[in-house]
Amino acid sequence: MAKSGMRYADQAYHMLKDALLSGEYRAGERLAVDSIAKTIGSSRQPVMDAFRRLEGEGLLNVIPQVGTIVASVSPADVKDFFRFLAQIEGYFARLAAERASEAEGRELKKIAADYFDVAPSGESDQAVARRYRLHNRAFHSQIHQMARAPLVHQVAVSLWDKADFYLNTMLAILPFVEREREGVNEHMLIAEAIAEKDGEAAYNATVPHILLFAEAINA
């Protein structure tokens, strides 16, 4: 593929992935190739390349003679997924408590505490959900760095993509809006435990923090 084609394919990929993780599409929704191609000013081929790439990540299903639809999973499967993710993140928190420096502990607490200081007034629910999602990713990514377990971190990145995708495509923005303040307060408890190098407390604060987001789907 020519360089311009690769550029358009990358553009389509990043645009679509951000939209999928942010809840702009719902599970089972069909995507229009022509509309997306028009948005980025390309032919259909780069968009199809992006579709196949996202299909490989489990976010889309490309069905011959039918089209491309947003992947969907059962609530029971999502519950299993979040139970697994909760254990992984609890493990990271425990490692971070054991391995992080005091300066890193202070930085993690600052990330949690600064959330509402930069929140603009009058935000739409969509804007709140997006801001919290990005904050949540930054907070947990910082814990991963503090844990000093790069191979496990590589696995966790793809899991976090799936977590955002499942929550947002199945319930749109509701979990991030409804649990915004509680989620940030839980971040503060996790950060405090890590800063105090209390691995058990960090683990016990992290696991329910992850599981509570899934309860909205599995209620």
N, C-alpha and C. Protein backbone atom coordinates (compact mmCIF):
# COMPACT_ATOMS: atom_id res chain seq x y z
N MET A 1 0.85 -1.19 0.00
CA MET A 1 0.00 0.00 0.00
C MET A 1 0.88 1.24 0.00
N ALA A 2 0.48 2.25 -0.73
CA ALA A 2 1.24 3.48 -0.78
C ALA A 2 1.24 4.14 0.58
N LYS A 3 2.22 5.06 0.76
CA LYS A 3 2.34 5.74 2.05
C LYS A 3 1.06 6.49 2.41
N SER A 4 0.43 7.13 1.41
CA SER A 4 -0.80 7.86 1.70
C SER A 4 -1.89 6.91 2.17
N GLY A 5 -1.94 5.71 1.59
CA GLY A 5 -2.91 4.71 2.02
C GLY A 5 -2.67 4.27 3.45
N MET A 6 -1.40 4.06 3.79
CA MET A 6 -1.05 3.70 5.15
C MET A 6 -1.44 4.81 6.12
N ARG A 7 -1.23 6.04 5.73
CA ARG A 7 -1.57 7.17 6.59
C ARG A 7 -3.07 7.21 6.84
N TYR A 8 -3.85 7.02 5.78
CA TYR A 8 -5.30 7.03 5.94
C TYR A 8 -5.78 5.84 6.77
N ALA A 9 -5.15 4.70 6.58
CA ALA A 9 -5.53 3.52 7.36
C ALA A 9 -5.24 3.75 8.84
N ASP A 10 -4.10 4.34 9.15
CA ASP A 10 -3.78 4.64 10.54
C ASP A 10 -4.74 5.67 11.11
N GLN A 11 -5.08 6.66 10.31
CA GLN A 11 -6.01 7.69 10.75
C GLN A 11 -7.38 7.08 11.05
N ALA A 12 -7.84 6.23 10.15
CA ALA A 12 -9.13 5.57 10.35
C ALA A 12 -9.09 4.68 11.58
N TYR A 13 -7.99 3.96 11.76
CA TYR A 13 -7.84 3.07 12.91
C TYR A 13 -7.94 3.84 14.22
N HIS A 14 -7.16 4.91 14.34
CA HIS A 14 -7.13 5.65 15.60
C HIS A 14 -8.46 6.37 15.85
N MET A 15 -9.06 6.90 14.80
CA MET A 15 -10.35 7.57 14.95
C MET A 15 -11.42 6.59 15.41
N LEU A 16 -11.46 5.43 14.77
CA LEU A 16 -12.47 4.44 15.11
C LEU A 16 -12.23 3.84 16.50
N LYS A 17 -10.99 3.58 16.82
CA LYS A 17 -10.71 2.98 18.13
C LYS A 17 -11.09 3.94 19.25
N ASP A 18 -10.77 5.21 19.08
CA ASP A 18 -11.15 6.19 20.09
C ASP A 18 -12.66 6.25 20.23
N ALA A 19 -13.37 6.22 19.11
CA ALA A 19 -14.83 6.26 19.14
C ALA A 19 -15.40 5.01 19.83
N LEU A 20 -14.81 3.86 19.56
CA LEU A 20 -15.29 2.61 20.16
C LEU A 20 -15.04 2.60 21.67
N LEU A 21 -13.88 3.07 22.10
CA LEU A 21 -13.56 3.08 23.53
C LEU A 21 -14.33 4.15 24.28
N SER A 22 -14.78 5.18 23.56
CA SER A 22 -15.50 6.29 24.20
C SER A 22 -17.01 6.10 24.21
N GLY A 23 -17.50 5.04 23.59
CA GLY A 23 -18.92 4.77 23.62
C GLY A 23 -19.74 5.47 22.56
N GLU A 24 -19.10 5.90 21.47
CA GLU A 24 -19.84 6.55 20.40
C GLU A 24 -20.63 5.54 19.55
N TYR A 25 -20.27 4.27 19.66
CA TYR A 25 -21.01 3.20 19.00
C TYR A 25 -21.51 2.23 20.05
N ARG A 26 -22.58 1.54 19.73
CA ARG A 26 -23.13 0.55 20.65
C ARG A 26 -22.84 -0.86 20.12
N ALA A 27 -22.83 -1.82 21.03
CA ALA A 27 -22.63 -3.21 20.65
C ALA A 27 -23.65 -3.62 19.60
N GLY A 28 -23.19 -4.25 18.52
CA GLY A 28 -24.06 -4.70 17.46
C GLY A 28 -24.36 -3.66 16.39
N GLU A 29 -23.90 -2.44 16.58
CA GLU A 29 -24.16 -1.39 15.60
C GLU A 29 -23.33 -1.61 14.33
N ARG A 30 -23.93 -1.36 13.18
CA ARG A 30 -23.23 -1.53 11.91
C ARG A 30 -22.52 -0.24 11.54
N LEU A 31 -21.29 -0.37 11.06
CA LEU A 31 -20.49 0.79 10.67
C LEU A 31 -20.54 0.98 9.17
N ALA A 32 -20.65 2.23 8.75
CA ALA A 32 -20.75 2.57 7.33
C ALA A 32 -19.38 2.93 6.78
N VAL A 33 -18.85 2.11 5.90
CA VAL A 33 -17.52 2.33 5.33
C VAL A 33 -17.47 3.67 4.60
N ASP A 34 -18.45 3.94 3.76
CA ASP A 34 -18.42 5.15 2.93
C ASP A 34 -18.43 6.41 3.78
N SER A 35 -19.21 6.41 4.84
CA SER A 35 -19.29 7.58 5.70
C SER A 35 -17.96 7.85 6.39
N ILE A 36 -17.31 6.80 6.87
CA ILE A 36 -16.02 6.97 7.55
C ILE A 36 -14.95 7.40 6.56
N ALA A 37 -14.98 6.81 5.37
CA ALA A 37 -14.01 7.19 4.34
C ALA A 37 -14.17 8.66 3.98
N LYS A 38 -15.39 9.12 3.89
CA LYS A 38 -15.64 10.53 3.57
C LYS A 38 -15.11 11.44 4.67
N THR A 39 -15.26 11.02 5.91
CA THR A 39 -14.80 11.82 7.05
C THR A 39 -13.30 12.06 7.01
N ILE A 40 -12.53 11.02 6.62
CA ILE A 40 -11.07 11.18 6.59
C ILE A 40 -10.56 11.51 5.20
N GLY A 41 -11.45 11.59 4.24
CA GLY A 41 -11.06 11.97 2.88
C GLY A 41 -10.28 10.91 2.15
N SER A 42 -10.67 9.64 2.33
CA SER A 42 -9.93 8.55 1.69
C SER A 42 -10.88 7.69 0.86
N SER A 43 -10.31 6.69 0.24
CA SER A 43 -11.11 5.66 -0.42
C SER A 43 -11.59 4.66 0.64
N ARG A 44 -12.32 3.64 0.20
CA ARG A 44 -12.83 2.63 1.13
C ARG A 44 -11.73 1.72 1.68
N GLN A 45 -10.66 1.48 0.90
CA GLN A 45 -9.67 0.49 1.28
C GLN A 45 -8.99 0.78 2.63
N PRO A 46 -8.53 2.01 2.89
CA PRO A 46 -7.92 2.26 4.20
C PRO A 46 -8.88 2.00 5.37
N VAL A 47 -10.15 2.30 5.16
CA VAL A 47 -11.13 2.05 6.22
C VAL A 47 -11.28 0.56 6.46
N MET A 48 -11.33 -0.22 5.37
CA MET A 48 -11.42 -1.66 5.52
C MET A 48 -10.19 -2.23 6.21
N ASP A 49 -9.02 -1.66 5.91
CA ASP A 49 -7.80 -2.09 6.59
C ASP A 49 -7.90 -1.83 8.10
N ALA A 50 -8.44 -0.67 8.44
CA ALA A 50 -8.63 -0.33 9.86
C ALA A 50 -9.65 -1.27 10.50
N PHE A 51 -10.70 -1.59 9.78
CA PHE A 51 -11.70 -2.54 10.29
C PHE A 51 -11.05 -3.88 10.63
N ARG A 52 -10.24 -4.38 9.73
CA ARG A 52 -9.61 -5.68 9.97
C ARG A 52 -8.65 -5.63 11.15
N ARG A 53 -7.97 -4.52 11.30
CA ARG A 53 -7.05 -4.36 12.43
C ARG A 53 -7.83 -4.37 13.75
N LEU A 54 -8.95 -3.67 13.77
CA LEU A 54 -9.78 -3.62 14.98
C LEU A 54 -10.49 -4.95 15.23
N GLU A 55 -10.78 -5.67 14.16
CA GLU A 55 -11.34 -7.01 14.32
C GLU A 55 -10.33 -7.91 15.02
N GLY A 56 -9.05 -7.77 14.66
CA GLY A 56 -8.01 -8.55 15.31
C GLY A 56 -7.88 -8.26 16.79
N GLU A 57 -8.32 -7.08 17.21
CA GLU A 57 -8.29 -6.70 18.62
C GLU A 57 -9.59 -7.06 19.34
N GLY A 58 -10.52 -7.64 18.60
CA GLY A 58 -11.77 -8.08 19.20
C GLY A 58 -12.81 -6.99 19.37
N LEU A 59 -12.64 -5.85 18.68
CA LEU A 59 -13.58 -4.74 18.83
C LEU A 59 -14.64 -4.70 17.74
N LEU A 60 -14.35 -5.30 16.59
CA LEU A 60 -15.28 -5.32 15.47
C LEU A 60 -15.41 -6.74 14.93
N ASN A 61 -16.51 -6.99 14.22
CA ASN A 61 -16.69 -8.22 13.47
C ASN A 61 -16.93 -7.86 12.01
N VAL A 62 -16.02 -8.29 11.13
CA VAL A 62 -16.17 -8.05 9.69
C VAL A 62 -16.80 -9.31 9.09
N ILE A 63 -18.03 -9.18 8.62
CA ILE A 63 -18.78 -10.34 8.13
C ILE A 63 -18.98 -10.21 6.62
N PRO A 64 -18.39 -11.10 5.83
CA PRO A 64 -18.53 -11.05 4.37
C PRO A 64 -20.00 -11.01 3.94
N GLN A 65 -20.29 -10.18 2.97
CA GLN A 65 -21.63 -10.03 2.40
C GLN A 65 -22.63 -9.41 3.38
N VAL A 66 -22.18 -9.07 4.56
CA VAL A 66 -23.08 -8.46 5.55
C VAL A 66 -22.61 -7.07 5.92
N GLY A 67 -21.35 -6.95 6.33
CA GLY A 67 -20.79 -5.67 6.72
C GLY A 67 -19.98 -5.78 7.98
N THR A 68 -19.69 -4.65 8.58
CA THR A 68 -18.87 -4.60 9.79
C THR A 68 -19.72 -4.10 10.94
N ILE A 69 -19.75 -4.86 12.02
CA ILE A 69 -20.54 -4.48 13.18
C ILE A 69 -19.66 -4.43 14.42
N VAL A 70 -20.09 -3.63 15.38
CA VAL A 70 -19.38 -3.52 16.66
C VAL A 70 -19.56 -4.83 17.42
N ALA A 71 -18.47 -5.38 17.90
CA ALA A 71 -18.52 -6.67 18.60
C ALA A 71 -19.39 -6.57 19.84
N SER A 72 -20.03 -7.67 20.17
CA SER A 72 -20.84 -7.73 21.39
C SER A 72 -20.54 -9.03 22.11
N VAL A 73 -20.64 -8.99 23.43
CA VAL A 73 -20.40 -10.16 24.26
C VAL A 73 -21.51 -10.24 25.30
N SER A 74 -21.66 -11.38 25.91
CA SER A 74 -22.72 -11.56 26.90
C SER A 74 -22.32 -10.92 28.22
N PRO A 75 -23.30 -10.47 29.01
CA PRO A 75 -22.99 -9.93 30.33
C PRO A 75 -22.21 -10.90 31.21
N ALA A 76 -22.50 -12.19 31.09
CA ALA A 76 -21.77 -13.18 31.88
C ALA A 76 -20.29 -13.20 31.52
N ASP A 77 -19.98 -13.09 30.23
CA ASP A 77 -18.59 -13.06 29.79
C ASP A 77 -17.89 -11.79 30.27
N VAL A 78 -18.61 -10.68 30.26
CA VAL A 78 -18.03 -9.42 30.74
C VAL A 78 -17.73 -9.52 32.24
N LYS A 79 -18.62 -10.16 32.97
CA LYS A 79 -18.38 -10.34 34.41
C LYS A 79 -17.11 -11.14 34.65
N ASP A 80 -16.93 -12.21 33.90
CA ASP A 80 -15.71 -13.00 34.01
C ASP A 80 -14.48 -12.16 33.68
N PHE A 81 -14.62 -11.36 32.62
CA PHE A 81 -13.50 -10.52 32.20
C PHE A 81 -13.09 -9.56 33.32
N PHE A 82 -14.05 -8.89 33.94
CA PHE A 82 -13.71 -7.91 34.97
C PHE A 82 -13.19 -8.57 36.24
N ARG A 83 -13.62 -9.77 36.53
CA ARG A 83 -13.04 -10.49 37.65
C ARG A 83 -11.56 -10.75 37.41
N PHE A 84 -11.23 -11.10 36.18
CA PHE A 84 -9.83 -11.33 35.82
C PHE A 84 -9.04 -10.03 35.87
N LEU A 85 -9.59 -8.96 35.28
CA LEU A 85 -8.91 -7.67 35.27
C LEU A 85 -8.68 -7.17 36.69
N ALA A 86 -9.66 -7.36 37.57
CA ALA A 86 -9.52 -6.91 38.95
C ALA A 86 -8.34 -7.58 39.64
N GLN A 87 -8.15 -8.87 39.39
CA GLN A 87 -7.02 -9.57 39.99
C GLN A 87 -5.69 -9.06 39.43
N ILE A 88 -5.66 -8.80 38.12
CA ILE A 88 -4.44 -8.28 37.50
C ILE A 88 -4.09 -6.92 38.10
N GLU A 89 -5.09 -6.04 38.21
CA GLU A 89 -4.83 -4.70 38.74
C GLU A 89 -4.49 -4.73 40.23
N GLY A 90 -5.10 -5.67 40.96
CA GLY A 90 -4.72 -5.83 42.36
C GLY A 90 -3.27 -6.26 42.49
N TYR A 91 -2.85 -7.13 41.60
CA TYR A 91 -1.45 -7.58 41.57
C TYR A 91 -0.51 -6.41 41.29
N PHE A 92 -0.88 -5.57 40.30
CA PHE A 92 -0.06 -4.39 40.01
C PHE A 92 0.04 -3.47 41.23
N ALA A 93 -1.08 -3.25 41.89
CA ALA A 93 -1.09 -2.35 43.05
C ALA A 93 -0.19 -2.89 44.16
N ARG A 94 -0.23 -4.21 44.37
CA ARG A 94 0.62 -4.81 45.39
C ARG A 94 2.11 -4.64 45.04
N LEU A 95 2.42 -4.89 43.76
CA LEU A 95 3.81 -4.72 43.33
C LEU A 95 4.26 -3.26 43.46
N ALA A 96 3.39 -2.33 43.09
CA ALA A 96 3.73 -0.91 43.18
C ALA A 96 4.02 -0.52 44.62
N ALA A 97 3.23 -1.05 45.55
CA ALA A 97 3.47 -0.75 46.96
C ALA A 97 4.83 -1.27 47.42
N GLU A 98 5.24 -2.37 46.86
CA GLU A 98 6.53 -2.97 47.24
C GLU A 98 7.71 -2.28 46.57
N ARG A 99 7.52 -1.78 45.34
CA ARG A 99 8.66 -1.36 44.53
C ARG A 99 8.76 0.14 44.27
N ALA A 100 7.69 0.89 44.49
CA ALA A 100 7.71 2.31 44.11
C ALA A 100 8.55 3.14 45.07
N SER A 101 9.09 4.23 44.53
CA SER A 101 9.83 5.18 45.36
C SER A 101 8.84 6.10 46.08
N GLU A 102 9.31 6.82 47.07
CA GLU A 102 8.45 7.77 47.77
C GLU A 102 7.97 8.86 46.83
N ALA A 103 8.84 9.30 45.93
CA ALA A 103 8.45 10.34 44.97
C ALA A 103 7.33 9.84 44.05
N GLU A 104 7.40 8.59 43.63
CA GLU A 104 6.35 8.03 42.79
C GLU A 104 5.04 7.93 43.56
N GLY A 105 5.12 7.58 44.82
CA GLY A 105 3.93 7.51 45.64
C GLY A 105 3.25 8.87 45.76
N ARG A 106 4.06 9.90 45.93
CA ARG A 106 3.51 11.25 46.00
C ARG A 106 2.87 11.65 44.67
N GLU A 107 3.49 11.29 43.57
CA GLU A 107 2.96 11.63 42.25
C GLU A 107 1.62 10.93 42.01
N LEU A 108 1.51 9.69 42.43
CA LEU A 108 0.26 8.96 42.25
C LEU A 108 -0.86 9.63 43.05
N LYS A 109 -0.57 10.03 44.27
CA LYS A 109 -1.56 10.72 45.09
C LYS A 109 -1.98 12.03 44.43
N LYS A 110 -1.03 12.71 43.80
CA LYS A 110 -1.33 13.98 43.14
C LYS A 110 -2.24 13.77 41.94
N ILE A 111 -1.99 12.70 41.18
CA ILE A 111 -2.84 12.41 40.02
C ILE A 111 -4.29 12.24 40.47
N ALA A 112 -4.49 11.52 41.55
CA ALA A 112 -5.85 11.30 42.06
C ALA A 112 -6.45 12.59 42.60
N ALA A 113 -5.68 13.33 43.40
CA ALA A 113 -6.21 14.52 44.06
C ALA A 113 -6.50 15.66 43.10
N ASP A 114 -5.76 15.73 41.99
CA ASP A 114 -5.91 16.86 41.07
C ASP A 114 -7.09 16.72 40.12
N TYR A 115 -7.77 15.59 40.14
CA TYR A 115 -8.81 15.34 39.13
C TYR A 115 -9.87 16.43 39.10
N PHE A 116 -10.45 16.75 40.24
CA PHE A 116 -11.54 17.72 40.26
C PHE A 116 -11.04 19.16 40.16
N ASP A 117 -9.76 19.38 40.40
CA ASP A 117 -9.21 20.73 40.28
C ASP A 117 -9.22 21.22 38.84
N VAL A 118 -9.16 20.30 37.89
CA VAL A 118 -9.09 20.69 36.48
C VAL A 118 -10.40 20.43 35.75
N ALA A 119 -11.46 20.10 36.50
CA ALA A 119 -12.74 19.78 35.86
C ALA A 119 -13.48 21.06 35.50
N PRO A 120 -13.75 21.30 34.23
CA PRO A 120 -14.51 22.49 33.84
C PRO A 120 -15.98 22.36 34.26
N SER A 121 -16.62 23.48 34.47
CA SER A 121 -18.02 23.45 34.86
C SER A 121 -18.92 23.30 33.64
N GLY A 122 -20.10 22.77 33.86
CA GLY A 122 -21.07 22.66 32.78
C GLY A 122 -20.75 21.65 31.72
N GLU A 123 -19.99 20.61 32.05
CA GLU A 123 -19.65 19.58 31.06
C GLU A 123 -20.87 18.72 30.72
N SER A 124 -20.91 18.24 29.51
CA SER A 124 -21.90 17.25 29.12
C SER A 124 -21.51 15.91 29.72
N ASP A 125 -22.48 15.00 29.81
CA ASP A 125 -22.18 13.66 30.30
C ASP A 125 -21.11 12.99 29.44
N GLN A 126 -21.17 13.22 28.13
CA GLN A 126 -20.18 12.63 27.23
C GLN A 126 -18.78 13.13 27.57
N ALA A 127 -18.65 14.42 27.85
CA ALA A 127 -17.35 15.00 28.18
C ALA A 127 -16.85 14.48 29.53
N VAL A 128 -17.75 14.36 30.50
CA VAL A 128 -17.37 13.83 31.81
C VAL A 128 -16.87 12.40 31.66
N ALA A 129 -17.60 11.59 30.91
CA ALA A 129 -17.22 10.19 30.73
C ALA A 129 -15.85 10.07 30.07
N ARG A 130 -15.61 10.87 29.05
CA ARG A 130 -14.32 10.81 28.36
C ARG A 130 -13.18 11.26 29.28
N ARG A 131 -13.41 12.34 30.03
CA ARG A 131 -12.35 12.86 30.91
C ARG A 131 -12.03 11.85 32.01
N TYR A 132 -13.09 11.25 32.59
CA TYR A 132 -12.83 10.27 33.64
C TYR A 132 -12.12 9.04 33.07
N ARG A 133 -12.55 8.59 31.89
CA ARG A 133 -11.91 7.41 31.29
C ARG A 133 -10.42 7.64 31.08
N LEU A 134 -10.06 8.80 30.56
CA LEU A 134 -8.65 9.10 30.32
C LEU A 134 -7.88 9.24 31.63
N HIS A 135 -8.52 9.85 32.62
CA HIS A 135 -7.89 9.95 33.95
C HIS A 135 -7.67 8.56 34.54
N ASN A 136 -8.69 7.72 34.43
CA ASN A 136 -8.60 6.37 34.97
C ASN A 136 -7.46 5.59 34.34
N ARG A 137 -7.33 5.72 33.03
CA ARG A 137 -6.23 5.04 32.34
C ARG A 137 -4.88 5.58 32.80
N ALA A 138 -4.78 6.91 32.95
CA ALA A 138 -3.51 7.51 33.38
C ALA A 138 -3.15 7.06 34.80
N PHE A 139 -4.14 7.00 35.67
CA PHE A 139 -3.89 6.59 37.05
C PHE A 139 -3.38 5.15 37.11
N HIS A 140 -4.07 4.25 36.44
CA HIS A 140 -3.65 2.85 36.49
C HIS A 140 -2.37 2.60 35.71
N SER A 141 -2.15 3.38 34.66
CA SER A 141 -0.89 3.26 33.93
C SER A 141 0.28 3.67 34.82
N GLN A 142 0.08 4.69 35.63
CA GLN A 142 1.13 5.11 36.57
C GLN A 142 1.44 3.99 37.56
N ILE A 143 0.41 3.31 38.02
CA ILE A 143 0.63 2.17 38.93
C ILE A 143 1.43 1.08 38.22
N HIS A 144 1.13 0.84 36.95
CA HIS A 144 1.88 -0.17 36.20
C HIS A 144 3.35 0.19 36.13
N GLN A 145 3.64 1.46 35.87
CA GLN A 145 5.04 1.89 35.81
C GLN A 145 5.72 1.70 37.16
N MET A 146 5.02 2.03 38.22
CA MET A 146 5.58 1.89 39.56
C MET A 146 5.81 0.43 39.93
N ALA A 147 5.02 -0.47 39.33
CA ALA A 147 5.16 -1.90 39.64
C ALA A 147 6.41 -2.51 39.01
N ARG A 148 6.94 -1.84 37.98
CA ARG A 148 8.16 -2.31 37.30
C ARG A 148 8.02 -3.76 36.83
N ALA A 149 6.95 -3.99 36.09
CA ALA A 149 6.68 -5.31 35.51
C ALA A 149 6.28 -5.12 34.06
N PRO A 150 7.22 -4.76 33.18
CA PRO A 150 6.88 -4.34 31.82
C PRO A 150 6.20 -5.41 30.98
N LEU A 151 6.53 -6.66 31.16
CA LEU A 151 5.89 -7.71 30.35
C LEU A 151 4.42 -7.86 30.71
N VAL A 152 4.11 -7.79 31.99
CA VAL A 152 2.71 -7.87 32.41
C VAL A 152 1.97 -6.61 31.98
N HIS A 153 2.66 -5.49 31.99
CA HIS A 153 2.03 -4.22 31.56
C HIS A 153 1.57 -4.31 30.11
N GLN A 154 2.37 -4.95 29.26
CA GLN A 154 1.99 -5.07 27.85
C GLN A 154 0.66 -5.81 27.70
N VAL A 155 0.47 -6.82 28.52
CA VAL A 155 -0.80 -7.56 28.49
C VAL A 155 -1.92 -6.68 29.02
N ALA A 156 -1.64 -5.93 30.07
CA ALA A 156 -2.68 -5.13 30.72
C ALA A 156 -3.21 -4.02 29.83
N VAL A 157 -2.38 -3.46 28.95
CA VAL A 157 -2.83 -2.38 28.07
C VAL A 157 -4.00 -2.85 27.21
N SER A 158 -3.87 -4.02 26.61
CA SER A 158 -4.96 -4.53 25.77
C SER A 158 -6.20 -4.86 26.61
N LEU A 159 -6.00 -5.27 27.85
CA LEU A 159 -7.13 -5.55 28.73
C LEU A 159 -7.89 -4.27 29.06
N TRP A 160 -7.18 -3.18 29.26
CA TRP A 160 -7.84 -1.91 29.56
C TRP A 160 -8.62 -1.41 28.36
N ASP A 161 -8.11 -1.62 27.16
CA ASP A 161 -8.88 -1.27 25.97
C ASP A 161 -10.21 -2.03 25.97
N LYS A 162 -10.14 -3.31 26.26
CA LYS A 162 -11.35 -4.12 26.29
C LYS A 162 -12.30 -3.64 27.40
N ALA A 163 -11.77 -3.29 28.55
CA ALA A 163 -12.61 -2.83 29.66
C ALA A 163 -13.40 -1.59 29.26
N ASP A 164 -12.72 -0.60 28.69
CA ASP A 164 -13.41 0.61 28.25
C ASP A 164 -14.44 0.29 27.17
N PHE A 165 -14.05 -0.59 26.27
CA PHE A 165 -14.94 -0.96 25.17
C PHE A 165 -16.21 -1.64 25.68
N TYR A 166 -16.06 -2.61 26.57
CA TYR A 166 -17.23 -3.33 27.07
C TYR A 166 -18.17 -2.40 27.83
N LEU A 167 -17.60 -1.59 28.70
CA LEU A 167 -18.44 -0.68 29.48
C LEU A 167 -19.18 0.30 28.59
N ASN A 168 -18.47 0.89 27.66
CA ASN A 168 -19.05 1.97 26.87
C ASN A 168 -19.99 1.48 25.77
N THR A 169 -19.67 0.37 25.13
CA THR A 169 -20.55 -0.09 24.05
C THR A 169 -21.81 -0.75 24.59
N MET A 170 -21.74 -1.28 25.81
CA MET A 170 -22.91 -1.94 26.37
C MET A 170 -23.80 -0.99 27.17
N LEU A 171 -23.16 0.02 27.79
CA LEU A 171 -23.93 0.96 28.61
C LEU A 171 -23.67 2.41 28.23
N ALA A 172 -23.05 2.64 27.09
CA ALA A 172 -22.68 4.00 26.68
C ALA A 172 -21.85 4.64 27.78
N ILE A 173 -22.23 5.82 28.27
CA ILE A 173 -21.37 6.57 29.19
C ILE A 173 -21.77 6.42 30.65
N LEU A 174 -22.81 5.65 30.94
CA LEU A 174 -23.36 5.63 32.29
C LEU A 174 -22.37 5.28 33.40
N PRO A 175 -21.56 4.23 33.27
CA PRO A 175 -20.69 3.87 34.39
C PRO A 175 -19.70 4.98 34.76
N PHE A 176 -19.16 5.66 33.77
CA PHE A 176 -18.16 6.68 34.04
C PHE A 176 -18.78 7.94 34.63
N VAL A 177 -20.00 8.25 34.26
CA VAL A 177 -20.67 9.43 34.80
C VAL A 177 -21.17 9.17 36.21
N GLU A 178 -21.85 8.05 36.40
CA GLU A 178 -22.46 7.76 37.69
C GLU A 178 -21.44 7.46 38.78
N ARG A 179 -20.29 6.92 38.40
CA ARG A 179 -19.29 6.57 39.42
C ARG A 179 -18.09 7.51 39.40
N GLU A 180 -18.23 8.66 38.81
CA GLU A 180 -17.10 9.57 38.70
C GLU A 180 -16.49 9.89 40.07
N ARG A 181 -17.28 10.46 40.96
CA ARG A 181 -16.73 10.87 42.26
C ARG A 181 -16.29 9.67 43.09
N GLU A 182 -17.10 8.63 43.11
CA GLU A 182 -16.71 7.44 43.86
C GLU A 182 -15.43 6.84 43.31
N GLY A 183 -15.30 6.81 41.98
CA GLY A 183 -14.09 6.26 41.38
C GLY A 183 -12.84 7.03 41.76
N VAL A 184 -12.95 8.35 41.77
CA VAL A 184 -11.79 9.18 42.14
C VAL A 184 -11.46 8.98 43.63
N ASN A 185 -12.49 8.90 44.48
CA ASN A 185 -12.23 8.64 45.90
C ASN A 185 -11.53 7.30 46.11
N GLU A 186 -11.93 6.31 45.32
CA GLU A 186 -11.27 5.00 45.40
C GLU A 186 -9.83 5.10 44.94
N HIS A 187 -9.57 5.90 43.92
CA HIS A 187 -8.19 6.14 43.48
C HIS A 187 -7.36 6.70 44.63
N MET A 188 -7.94 7.61 45.38
CA MET A 188 -7.20 8.22 46.49
C MET A 188 -6.85 7.18 47.55
N LEU A 189 -7.78 6.26 47.83
CA LEU A 189 -7.50 5.20 48.79
C LEU A 189 -6.40 4.26 48.29
N ILE A 190 -6.44 3.93 47.01
CA ILE A 190 -5.41 3.07 46.42
C ILE A 190 -4.06 3.76 46.48
N ALA A 191 -4.03 5.04 46.10
CA ALA A 191 -2.77 5.79 46.09
C ALA A 191 -2.18 5.90 47.49
N GLU A 192 -3.04 6.13 48.48
CA GLU A 192 -2.57 6.24 49.86
C GLU A 192 -1.95 4.93 50.33
N ALA A 193 -2.58 3.81 49.99
CA ALA A 193 -2.05 2.51 50.40
C ALA A 193 -0.71 2.23 49.74
N ILE A 194 -0.60 2.57 48.46
CA ILE A 194 0.67 2.36 47.76
C ILE A 194 1.75 3.25 48.32
N ALA A 195 1.42 4.51 48.57
CA ALA A 195 2.41 5.45 49.12
C ALA A 195 2.90 5.00 50.50
N GLU A 196 2.03 4.34 51.24
CA GLU A 196 2.41 3.84 52.57
C GLU A 196 3.06 2.46 52.49
N LYS A 197 3.23 1.95 51.26
CA LYS A 197 3.87 0.66 51.01
C LYS A 197 3.13 -0.49 51.69
N ASP A 198 1.81 -0.37 51.70
CA ASP A 198 0.96 -1.41 52.27
C ASP A 198 0.34 -2.20 51.11
N GLY A 199 1.03 -3.25 50.70
CA GLY A 199 0.61 -4.02 49.54
C GLY A 199 -0.75 -4.66 49.71
N GLU A 200 -1.04 -5.17 50.91
CA GLU A 200 -2.32 -5.83 51.14
C GLU A 200 -3.47 -4.83 51.03
N ALA A 201 -3.30 -3.65 51.62
CA ALA A 201 -4.34 -2.62 51.55
C ALA A 201 -4.53 -2.13 50.11
N ALA A 202 -3.41 -2.01 49.38
CA ALA A 202 -3.49 -1.57 47.98
C ALA A 202 -4.28 -2.58 47.14
N TYR A 203 -3.99 -3.85 47.36
CA TYR A 203 -4.71 -4.91 46.64
C TYR A 203 -6.20 -4.88 47.00
N ASN A 204 -6.50 -4.77 48.29
CA ASN A 204 -7.89 -4.82 48.74
C ASN A 204 -8.69 -3.59 48.33
N ALA A 205 -8.02 -2.49 48.07
CA ALA A 205 -8.71 -1.29 47.58
C ALA A 205 -8.91 -1.34 46.07
N THR A 206 -8.02 -2.00 45.37
CA THR A 206 -8.06 -2.01 43.90
C THR A 206 -9.09 -2.99 43.35
N VAL A 207 -9.15 -4.17 43.89
CA VAL A 207 -10.03 -5.21 43.34
C VAL A 207 -11.50 -4.76 43.31
N PRO A 208 -12.06 -4.30 44.41
CA PRO A 208 -13.48 -3.86 44.34
C PRO A 208 -13.67 -2.63 43.48
N HIS A 209 -12.66 -1.78 43.39
CA HIS A 209 -12.74 -0.60 42.51
C HIS A 209 -13.00 -1.01 41.07
N ILE A 210 -12.33 -2.06 40.61
CA ILE A 210 -12.54 -2.55 39.25
C ILE A 210 -13.89 -3.25 39.12
N LEU A 211 -14.23 -4.06 40.09
CA LEU A 211 -15.45 -4.86 39.99
C LEU A 211 -16.71 -4.00 40.02
N LEU A 212 -16.68 -2.88 40.72
CA LEU A 212 -17.88 -2.05 40.83
C LEU A 212 -18.33 -1.48 39.49
N PHE A 213 -17.38 -1.26 38.58
CA PHE A 213 -17.76 -0.76 37.27
C PHE A 213 -18.52 -1.81 36.48
N ALA A 214 -18.20 -3.08 36.70
CA ALA A 214 -18.87 -4.15 35.96
C ALA A 214 -20.26 -4.44 36.48
N GLU A 215 -20.54 -4.08 37.72
CA GLU A 215 -21.84 -4.39 38.32
C GLU A 215 -22.99 -3.70 37.57
N ALA A 216 -22.70 -2.55 36.98
CA ALA A 216 -23.75 -1.86 36.23
C ALA A 216 -24.21 -2.69 35.05
N ILE A 217 -23.30 -3.44 34.45
CA ILE A 217 -23.65 -4.30 33.32
C ILE A 217 -24.35 -5.56 33.82
N ASN A 218 -23.92 -6.08 34.92
CA ASN A 218 -24.40 -7.38 35.36
C ASN A 218 -25.51 -7.32 36.39
N ALA A 219 -26.07 -6.12 36.61
CA ALA A 219 -27.13 -5.99 37.60
C ALA A 219 -28.37 -6.78 37.15
